[in-house]
Amino acid sequence: MKFRIPANGDEEALVDLQEWLAADPGTAQVQVTAVGGDSGPTMNVLEAIDVILGNAVDIANFALAYVTWRSMRRDEAPARSDGEETGGQLLVHGNASVDISHLSSEELADLLRRLHETPAVGAGE
């Protein structure tokens, strides 16, 4: 199953998440690909990461690593002046998008399992 996590203007969050996933023993083998702008004002800017999960173990490991990353990031990052966080909070699968910023690892794993069982509409996969 392939899904995308967009930067939503917070490239630093995605770089941090990508590094976190690469360093985590459970997700180090998960395929995570940077998606950058090819032209225009966002050329060479990280716009999203694509994540491919192949099985139930990948799903569980990703969910745990993501929730741990999110928790550590919230604990360590200085509060933004507008109180908003942006990057790494949205999961896009086909034409559907879901805010995952509040999900527990169990809830995220359940969502990913359900998405894994359902073809992505509009994704051509």
Protein backbone atom coordinates (compact mmCIF):
# COMPACT_ATOMS: atom_id res chain seq x y z
CA MET A 1 0.00 0.00 0.00
CA LYS A 2 1.28 3.44 -0.91
CA PHE A 3 0.28 6.71 0.71
CA ARG A 4 1.61 10.25 0.85
CA ILE A 5 2.29 12.61 3.74
CA PRO A 6 2.42 16.21 2.47
CA ALA A 7 4.61 18.95 3.93
CA ASN A 8 1.86 21.57 3.97
CA GLY A 9 4.55 24.23 4.07
CA ASP A 10 6.60 22.51 6.79
CA GLU A 11 9.46 20.84 4.93
CA GLU A 12 11.45 20.53 8.16
CA ALA A 13 8.81 18.24 9.68
CA LEU A 14 9.00 15.85 6.74
CA VAL A 15 12.79 15.79 6.73
CA ASP A 16 12.65 15.01 10.44
CA LEU A 17 10.02 12.29 9.93
CA GLN A 18 11.97 10.73 7.06
CA GLU A 19 15.14 10.63 9.17
CA TRP A 20 13.20 9.24 12.14
CA LEU A 21 11.74 6.41 10.03
CA ALA A 22 15.17 5.58 8.57
CA ALA A 23 16.72 5.39 12.05
CA ASP A 24 13.91 3.37 13.67
CA PRO A 25 14.71 -0.38 13.64
CA GLY A 26 11.09 -1.26 12.84
CA THR A 27 10.77 1.08 9.87
CA ALA A 28 14.33 1.26 8.53
CA GLN A 29 13.37 -1.14 5.71
CA VAL A 30 10.12 0.66 4.84
CA GLN A 31 10.35 2.43 1.49
CA VAL A 32 10.07 6.20 2.06
CA THR A 33 10.59 8.46 -0.96
CA ALA A 34 10.92 12.23 -0.97
CA VAL A 35 8.62 14.06 -3.39
CA GLY A 36 9.92 17.43 -4.53
CA GLY A 37 8.74 20.20 -6.80
CA ASP A 38 9.84 19.77 -10.39
CA SER A 39 9.15 23.28 -11.58
CA GLY A 40 7.86 26.65 -10.55
CA PRO A 41 8.41 28.39 -7.23
CA THR A 42 8.69 25.13 -5.25
CA MET A 43 11.46 23.59 -7.36
CA ASN A 44 13.68 21.33 -5.26
CA VAL A 45 11.52 21.85 -2.17
CA LEU A 46 10.32 18.76 -0.33
CA GLU A 47 6.57 18.70 -0.90
CA ALA A 48 5.73 15.28 0.51
CA ILE A 49 6.99 11.82 1.31
CA ASP A 50 5.57 8.67 -0.21
CA VAL A 51 5.48 5.64 2.06
CA ILE A 52 5.01 2.05 0.91
CA LEU A 53 3.95 -0.55 3.46
CA GLY A 54 3.94 -4.16 2.36
CA ASN A 55 2.44 -6.13 5.24
CA ALA A 56 0.86 -6.06 8.69
CA VAL A 57 4.25 -5.85 10.43
CA ASP A 58 5.20 -2.78 8.35
CA ILE A 59 1.86 -1.20 9.22
CA ALA A 60 2.26 -1.78 12.97
CA ASN A 61 5.87 -0.61 12.95
CA PHE A 62 5.07 2.53 10.95
CA ALA A 63 2.13 3.42 13.22
CA LEU A 64 4.26 3.09 16.35
CA ALA A 65 7.22 4.99 14.85
CA TYR A 66 4.96 7.79 13.55
CA VAL A 67 3.16 8.30 16.87
CA THR A 68 6.48 8.24 18.77
CA TRP A 69 7.98 10.78 16.31
CA ARG A 70 4.95 13.02 16.65
CA SER A 71 5.11 12.88 20.44
CA MET A 72 8.85 13.63 20.53
CA ARG A 73 8.44 16.47 18.04
CA ARG A 74 5.71 18.08 20.12
CA ASP A 75 7.79 17.74 23.28
CA GLU A 76 10.97 19.16 21.74
CA ALA A 77 9.74 21.76 19.26
CA PRO A 78 9.16 25.34 20.36
CA ALA A 79 5.54 26.36 20.07
CA ARG A 80 4.67 28.19 16.88
CA SER A 81 3.29 31.67 17.31
CA ASP A 82 0.02 30.68 15.64
CA GLY A 83 -0.25 27.49 17.71
CA GLU A 84 -0.51 25.38 14.56
CA GLU A 85 1.57 22.46 13.39
CA THR A 86 1.46 21.64 9.71
CA GLY A 87 3.82 19.05 8.24
CA GLY A 88 3.40 15.36 8.75
CA GLN A 89 -0.17 15.50 9.94
CA LEU A 90 -2.10 14.49 6.84
CA LEU A 91 -2.19 11.08 5.19
CA VAL A 92 -3.27 11.01 1.54
CA HIS A 93 -4.34 7.73 -0.06
CA GLY A 94 -5.72 8.10 -3.56
CA ASN A 95 -8.29 10.91 -3.48
CA ALA A 96 -8.87 10.57 0.26
CA SER A 97 -7.03 12.47 2.97
CA VAL A 98 -7.14 11.96 6.72
CA ASP A 99 -5.74 14.04 9.58
CA ILE A 100 -3.62 11.57 11.57
CA SER A 101 -2.18 14.08 14.03
CA HIS A 102 -4.41 12.93 16.89
CA LEU A 103 -4.50 9.16 16.35
CA SER A 104 -2.95 6.68 18.77
CA SER A 105 -0.66 4.04 17.31
CA GLU A 106 -3.50 1.50 17.54
CA GLU A 107 -5.93 3.82 15.75
CA LEU A 108 -3.38 4.64 13.05
CA ALA A 109 -2.53 0.96 12.54
CA ASP A 110 -6.24 0.16 12.25
CA LEU A 111 -6.71 2.95 9.68
CA LEU A 112 -3.70 1.74 7.69
CA ARG A 113 -4.93 -1.87 7.75
CA ARG A 114 -8.31 -0.75 6.43
CA LEU A 115 -6.65 1.36 3.71
CA HIS A 116 -4.40 -1.58 2.84
CA GLU A 117 -7.49 -3.71 2.22
CA THR A 118 -9.18 -1.03 0.09
CA PRO A 119 -7.91 0.06 -3.33
CA ALA A 120 -6.98 3.75 -3.47
CA VAL A 121 -9.57 5.65 -5.50
CA GLY A 122 -7.87 7.84 -8.08
CA ALA A 123 -4.41 6.47 -7.39
CA GLY A 124 -4.24 4.22 -10.43
CA GLU A 125 -2.93 1.36 -8.31
